Amino acid sequence: MSHLLGANFTFAVLDDVLMSVDRGHRREVCALLKKRFPNTQFILTTHDEVWLRHMKAEGLIKGKSFAHFKHWSVATGPAEWTNAGIWEEIDAHLAQGDVQPAAAALRHYLEHFAGEMCHRLRGVVEYRGDGNFGFGDLITGAANALTDAYKKAKASANSWNKQEVVIVIGERASAFTTAREAAKVDQWQLNAGVHYNPWADLMREDFKHVVEAHKAFAAHFECANCSELLWVTPEYKPKEQLCCACGDASLNLIVKPVGAKLAAAPASTKEEAVGPVAK
């Protein structure tokens, strides 16, 4: 296409083109596309999570330039994995009194969500060669990663003597712990609603509490201002910052070096010393 169109080769759609490419070459394809076609807009589709992560790591896709679809049909088109969409779908099932499909939708989404947050927050999960990680391991890894980020942020704020930031972090960490425990208490009802259990005849009113608990839990992983999911930087080496797109929920994770002095800063730059914090 580059030979035929030259500078006019500015748009291309590649549909799961790496299905037959050796796994060891996926990262190299990312570098190839960036180097050889810097002025071409690519639309890529894939079922391969590793290939997606390589594209992110190599900077082939950035920020919100990708979408993760849970299903699609001729009648409705694609349905994207979003926080807003899934809760509306679950509420619609419960409005009809259909607990089992509501439980299945919630469990399916949480499995996707837990894996995504483990990746974004660099959560620790026991390695499996087949990549078949359990939901319990993923959700625990994600929750532990966010808890650990708050601990690091609090230690950092204390080291810089930013007590107002310490208070904000403490409130966020405490609220997250409460939400995490509430979701954990109702975990058995989620599993019972998905699988056939003659002893577990859950009613709509019963399962609404489960949905509300997990919705509140999941909300702690996103910025209240921009609704973007949180992530940590960098992708490798010691974690330095908990981030969101707008900066409102961002927190510094680096402790002040021993012996370093913090110079007095004007009020306008006070926030920059520690990074913005959630209101």
Protein backbone atom coordinates (compact mmCIF):
# COMPACT_ATOMS: atom_id res chain seq x y z
CA MET A 1 0.00 0.00 0.00
CA SER A 2 2.88 2.34 0.73
CA HIS A 3 4.27 1.56 -2.73
CA LEU A 4 0.91 2.09 -4.46
CA LEU A 5 -0.31 5.16 -2.60
CA GLY A 6 2.85 6.77 -1.25
CA ALA A 7 2.01 9.70 1.02
CA ASN A 8 -1.70 9.01 0.50
CA PHE A 9 -1.49 5.78 2.52
CA THR A 10 -2.95 7.37 5.65
CA PHE A 11 -5.59 4.87 6.83
CA ALA A 12 -5.66 1.08 7.25
CA VAL A 13 -7.81 -1.51 9.03
CA LEU A 14 -6.04 -4.66 10.27
CA ASP A 15 -8.41 -7.39 11.46
CA ASP A 16 -6.69 -9.81 13.88
CA VAL A 17 -3.61 -9.89 11.66
CA LEU A 18 -1.40 -11.60 14.26
CA MET A 19 -3.45 -14.78 14.61
CA SER A 20 -0.74 -16.74 12.76
CA VAL A 21 2.28 -14.69 13.87
CA ASP A 22 4.72 -16.22 16.35
CA ARG A 23 4.20 -14.85 19.84
CA GLY A 24 7.80 -13.73 20.04
CA HIS A 25 7.34 -11.33 17.10
CA ARG A 26 4.28 -9.41 18.32
CA ARG A 27 6.27 -6.64 20.00
CA GLU A 28 8.42 -6.29 16.87
CA VAL A 29 5.31 -5.71 14.75
CA CYS A 30 4.42 -2.76 17.01
CA ALA A 31 7.83 -1.20 16.41
CA LEU A 32 7.57 -1.89 12.68
CA LEU A 33 4.23 -0.08 12.33
CA LYS A 34 5.48 2.94 14.28
CA LYS A 35 8.77 3.17 12.39
CA ARG A 36 7.66 2.48 8.81
CA PHE A 37 4.21 4.11 8.87
CA PRO A 38 4.35 7.11 11.25
CA ASN A 39 1.69 9.02 9.30
CA THR A 40 -0.82 6.20 8.88
CA GLN A 41 -3.88 5.80 11.12
CA PHE A 42 -4.39 2.10 11.92
CA ILE A 43 -7.55 0.48 13.24
CA LEU A 44 -6.62 -2.90 14.75
CA THR A 45 -8.85 -5.65 16.12
CA THR A 46 -7.68 -8.60 18.21
CA HIS A 47 -8.74 -11.31 20.64
CA ASP A 48 -5.17 -11.50 21.94
CA GLU A 49 -4.70 -9.80 25.33
CA VAL A 50 -0.90 -10.09 25.13
CA TRP A 51 -0.81 -8.38 21.74
CA LEU A 52 -2.99 -5.59 23.18
CA ARG A 53 -0.58 -5.12 26.08
CA HIS A 54 2.38 -5.03 23.69
CA MET A 55 0.65 -2.29 21.71
CA LYS A 56 0.21 -0.28 24.90
CA ALA A 57 3.75 -0.88 26.14
CA GLU A 58 5.30 0.13 22.79
CA GLY A 59 3.19 3.28 22.59
CA LEU A 60 1.36 2.13 19.46
CA ILE A 61 -1.88 2.96 21.28
CA LYS A 62 -2.17 5.51 24.05
CA GLY A 63 -4.71 6.69 26.59
CA LYS A 64 -8.30 6.16 25.44
CA SER A 65 -7.39 5.17 21.88
CA PHE A 66 -8.67 1.62 22.32
CA ALA A 67 -11.99 0.00 23.21
CA HIS A 68 -12.67 -3.37 24.80
CA PHE A 69 -15.92 -4.99 23.56
CA LYS A 70 -17.81 -7.56 25.60
CA HIS A 71 -20.11 -8.69 22.75
CA TRP A 72 -21.87 -7.50 19.62
CA SER A 73 -24.73 -8.51 17.41
CA VAL A 74 -26.22 -7.51 14.08
CA ALA A 75 -29.21 -6.00 15.88
CA THR A 76 -27.42 -3.91 18.51
CA GLY A 77 -23.87 -3.53 17.21
CA PRO A 78 -20.85 -3.63 19.56
CA ALA A 79 -21.24 -3.24 23.31
CA GLU A 80 -18.18 -1.75 24.96
CA TRP A 81 -16.93 -2.65 28.44
CA THR A 82 -17.72 0.51 30.38
CA ASN A 83 -18.72 1.11 33.97
CA ALA A 84 -21.85 3.00 32.95
CA GLY A 85 -23.03 0.42 30.43
CA ILE A 86 -22.68 -2.65 32.64
CA TRP A 87 -24.63 -1.22 35.58
CA GLU A 88 -27.48 -0.20 33.28
CA GLU A 89 -27.52 -3.72 31.84
CA ILE A 90 -27.63 -5.30 35.31
CA ASP A 91 -30.37 -2.92 36.49
CA ALA A 92 -32.44 -3.84 33.44
CA HIS A 93 -32.22 -7.55 34.34
CA LEU A 94 -33.19 -6.87 37.95
CA ALA A 95 -36.10 -4.70 36.88
CA GLN A 96 -37.49 -7.84 35.20
CA GLY A 97 -36.73 -9.93 38.28
CA ASP A 98 -34.05 -11.91 36.40
CA VAL A 99 -31.37 -12.48 39.02
CA GLN A 100 -29.34 -15.12 37.21
CA PRO A 101 -28.53 -13.09 34.07
CA ALA A 102 -27.83 -10.08 36.31
CA ALA A 103 -25.40 -12.18 38.35
CA ALA A 104 -23.76 -13.56 35.21
CA ALA A 105 -23.31 -10.06 33.76
CA LEU A 106 -21.86 -8.77 37.03
CA ARG A 107 -19.46 -11.69 37.42
CA HIS A 108 -18.36 -11.45 33.77
CA TYR A 109 -17.71 -7.73 34.08
CA LEU A 110 -15.85 -8.05 37.39
CA GLU A 111 -13.54 -10.67 35.86
CA HIS A 112 -12.70 -8.26 33.05
CA PHE A 113 -12.44 -5.32 35.47
CA ALA A 114 -10.19 -7.15 37.93
CA GLY A 115 -7.77 -8.16 35.18
CA GLU A 116 -7.68 -4.63 33.79
CA MET A 117 -7.02 -3.07 37.21
CA CYS A 118 -4.29 -5.61 37.99
CA HIS A 119 -2.60 -4.49 34.78
CA ARG A 120 -3.12 -0.76 35.38
CA LEU A 121 -2.04 -0.86 39.05
CA ARG A 122 0.59 -3.60 38.55
CA GLY A 123 -1.19 -5.94 40.92
CA VAL A 124 0.63 -9.08 42.04
CA VAL A 125 -1.04 -12.36 41.00
CA GLU A 126 0.38 -15.87 41.23
CA TYR A 127 1.77 -16.77 37.81
CA ARG A 128 0.03 -19.38 35.64
CA GLY A 129 1.61 -20.64 32.45
CA ASP A 130 -1.77 -20.99 30.72
CA GLY A 131 -2.77 -17.43 31.64
CA ASN A 132 -5.99 -18.72 33.21
CA PHE A 133 -6.05 -16.55 36.31
CA GLY A 134 -8.90 -16.98 38.77
CA PHE A 135 -11.31 -14.17 39.55
CA GLY A 136 -10.48 -14.29 43.26
CA ASP A 137 -6.76 -13.93 42.55
CA LEU A 138 -7.28 -11.01 40.16
CA ILE A 139 -9.69 -9.01 42.32
CA THR A 140 -7.46 -9.53 45.36
CA GLY A 141 -4.39 -8.48 43.39
CA ALA A 142 -6.12 -5.32 42.18
CA ALA A 143 -7.44 -4.40 45.63
CA ASN A 144 -4.08 -5.05 47.28
CA ALA A 145 -2.36 -2.90 44.65
CA LEU A 146 -4.63 0.08 45.35
CA THR A 147 -4.22 -0.37 49.10
CA ASP A 148 -0.44 -0.50 48.65
CA ALA A 149 -0.55 2.67 46.51
CA TYR A 150 -2.37 4.51 49.29
CA LYS A 151 0.22 3.34 51.83
CA LYS A 152 3.06 4.56 49.62
CA ALA A 153 1.28 7.86 48.97
CA LYS A 154 0.71 8.41 52.68
CA ALA A 155 4.36 7.65 53.49
CA SER A 156 5.41 10.05 50.74
CA ALA A 157 3.15 12.86 51.98
CA ASN A 158 4.41 12.35 55.53
CA SER A 159 8.02 12.50 54.38
CA TRP A 160 7.35 15.83 52.65
CA ASN A 161 5.41 17.05 55.71
CA LYS A 162 2.21 17.51 53.71
CA GLN A 163 -0.27 16.76 56.46
CA GLU A 164 -3.30 18.02 54.53
CA VAL A 165 -2.49 15.44 51.86
CA VAL A 166 -2.05 12.73 54.51
CA ILE A 167 -5.59 13.42 55.73
CA VAL A 168 -7.04 13.18 52.22
CA ILE A 169 -5.22 9.91 51.54
CA GLY A 170 -6.34 8.48 54.88
CA GLU A 171 -9.97 9.25 54.07
CA ARG A 172 -9.71 7.67 50.63
CA ALA A 173 -7.95 4.56 51.97
CA SER A 174 -10.50 4.14 54.78
CA ALA A 175 -13.46 4.48 52.41
CA PHE A 176 -11.89 1.95 50.03
CA THR A 177 -11.32 -0.56 52.84
CA THR A 178 -14.97 -0.24 53.89
CA ALA A 179 -16.20 -0.75 50.32
CA ARG A 180 -13.86 -3.71 49.84
CA GLU A 181 -15.14 -5.45 52.96
CA ALA A 182 -18.77 -4.82 51.99
CA ALA A 183 -18.22 -6.39 48.57
CA LYS A 184 -16.39 -9.34 50.12
CA VAL A 185 -19.30 -10.06 52.49
CA ASP A 186 -21.69 -10.41 49.55
CA GLN A 187 -19.29 -12.41 47.37
CA TRP A 188 -21.05 -15.72 48.06
CA GLN A 189 -24.32 -14.36 46.66
CA LEU A 190 -22.60 -13.44 43.40
CA ASN A 191 -21.30 -16.99 42.97
CA ALA A 192 -24.60 -18.53 44.01
CA GLY A 193 -26.47 -16.38 41.52
CA VAL A 194 -24.28 -17.43 38.61
CA HIS A 195 -24.28 -21.20 39.21
CA TYR A 196 -27.17 -23.59 39.81
CA ASN A 197 -27.73 -23.87 43.53
CA PRO A 198 -31.08 -25.30 44.66
CA TRP A 199 -30.46 -23.91 48.16
CA ALA A 200 -29.87 -20.36 46.98
CA ASP A 201 -33.16 -18.85 45.79
CA LEU A 202 -32.07 -15.23 45.53
CA MET A 203 -34.71 -12.57 45.01
CA ARG A 204 -34.26 -9.26 43.22
CA GLU A 205 -34.17 -7.37 46.52
CA ASP A 206 -31.42 -9.69 47.80
CA PHE A 207 -29.21 -9.25 44.77
CA LYS A 208 -29.62 -5.47 44.56
CA HIS A 209 -27.46 -5.21 47.68
CA VAL A 210 -24.77 -7.30 45.97
CA VAL A 211 -24.81 -5.04 42.90
CA GLU A 212 -24.67 -1.87 44.99
CA ALA A 213 -21.75 -3.20 47.06
CA HIS A 214 -19.67 -4.13 44.00
CA LYS A 215 -20.58 -0.92 42.17
CA ALA A 216 -19.35 1.11 45.15
CA PHE A 217 -16.20 -1.03 45.33
CA ALA A 218 -15.42 -0.59 41.62
CA ALA A 219 -15.97 3.18 41.85
CA HIS A 220 -12.90 3.51 44.08
CA PHE A 221 -10.70 2.48 41.15
CA GLU A 222 -11.70 5.52 39.09
CA CYS A 223 -11.35 9.27 39.44
CA ALA A 224 -14.51 10.92 40.76
CA ASN A 225 -13.83 13.94 38.56
CA CYS A 226 -12.98 12.52 35.11
CA SER A 227 -14.31 8.93 35.62
CA GLU A 228 -11.08 7.50 34.21
CA LEU A 229 -9.69 4.31 35.74
CA LEU A 230 -6.58 4.87 37.84
CA TRP A 231 -3.14 3.59 36.89
CA VAL A 232 0.39 3.71 38.25
CA THR A 233 3.57 4.85 36.55
CA PRO A 234 6.00 3.71 35.35
CA GLU A 235 5.01 0.34 33.89
CA TYR A 236 8.24 -1.17 35.25
CA LYS A 237 10.61 -0.47 38.15
CA PRO A 238 9.45 1.11 41.45
CA LYS A 239 6.07 2.79 41.33
CA GLU A 240 6.24 6.59 41.30
CA GLN A 241 2.72 7.92 40.91
CA LEU A 242 -0.94 6.92 41.10
CA CYS A 243 -2.54 8.67 38.12
CA CYS A 244 -5.82 9.63 36.52
CA ALA A 245 -6.46 11.48 33.24
CA CYS A 246 -7.31 14.87 34.77
CA GLY A 247 -4.83 14.75 37.67
CA ASP A 248 -7.51 15.30 40.31
CA ALA A 249 -6.96 11.87 41.89
CA SER A 250 -3.20 11.66 41.25
CA LEU A 251 -0.86 10.96 44.16
CA ASN A 252 2.91 10.99 44.52
CA LEU A 253 4.35 7.66 45.71
CA ILE A 254 7.99 8.72 46.13
CA VAL A 255 9.33 9.26 49.65
CA LYS A 256 11.61 12.27 50.17
CA PRO A 257 15.26 11.22 50.13
CA VAL A 258 17.01 11.29 53.50
CA GLY A 259 18.66 14.66 54.01
CA ALA A 260 16.73 16.42 51.25
CA LYS A 261 15.28 19.82 52.05
CA LEU A 262 11.93 21.05 50.84
CA ALA A 263 12.13 24.70 49.89
CA ALA A 264 9.15 26.90 50.65
CA ALA A 265 6.99 27.23 47.55
CA PRO A 266 4.47 29.91 46.58
CA ALA A 267 0.82 29.02 47.15
CA SER A 268 0.27 28.62 43.41
CA THR A 269 2.81 25.78 43.20
CA LYS A 270 2.07 24.11 46.51
CA GLU A 271 0.01 21.39 44.86
CA GLU A 272 2.72 20.63 42.30
CA ALA A 273 5.13 19.53 45.04
CA VAL A 274 3.06 16.45 45.85
CA GLY A 275 0.79 16.16 42.83
CA PRO A 276 -2.94 16.96 42.80
CA VAL A 277 -5.14 15.10 45.26
CA ALA A 278 -8.80 14.21 45.25
CA LYS A 279 -11.15 16.70 46.83
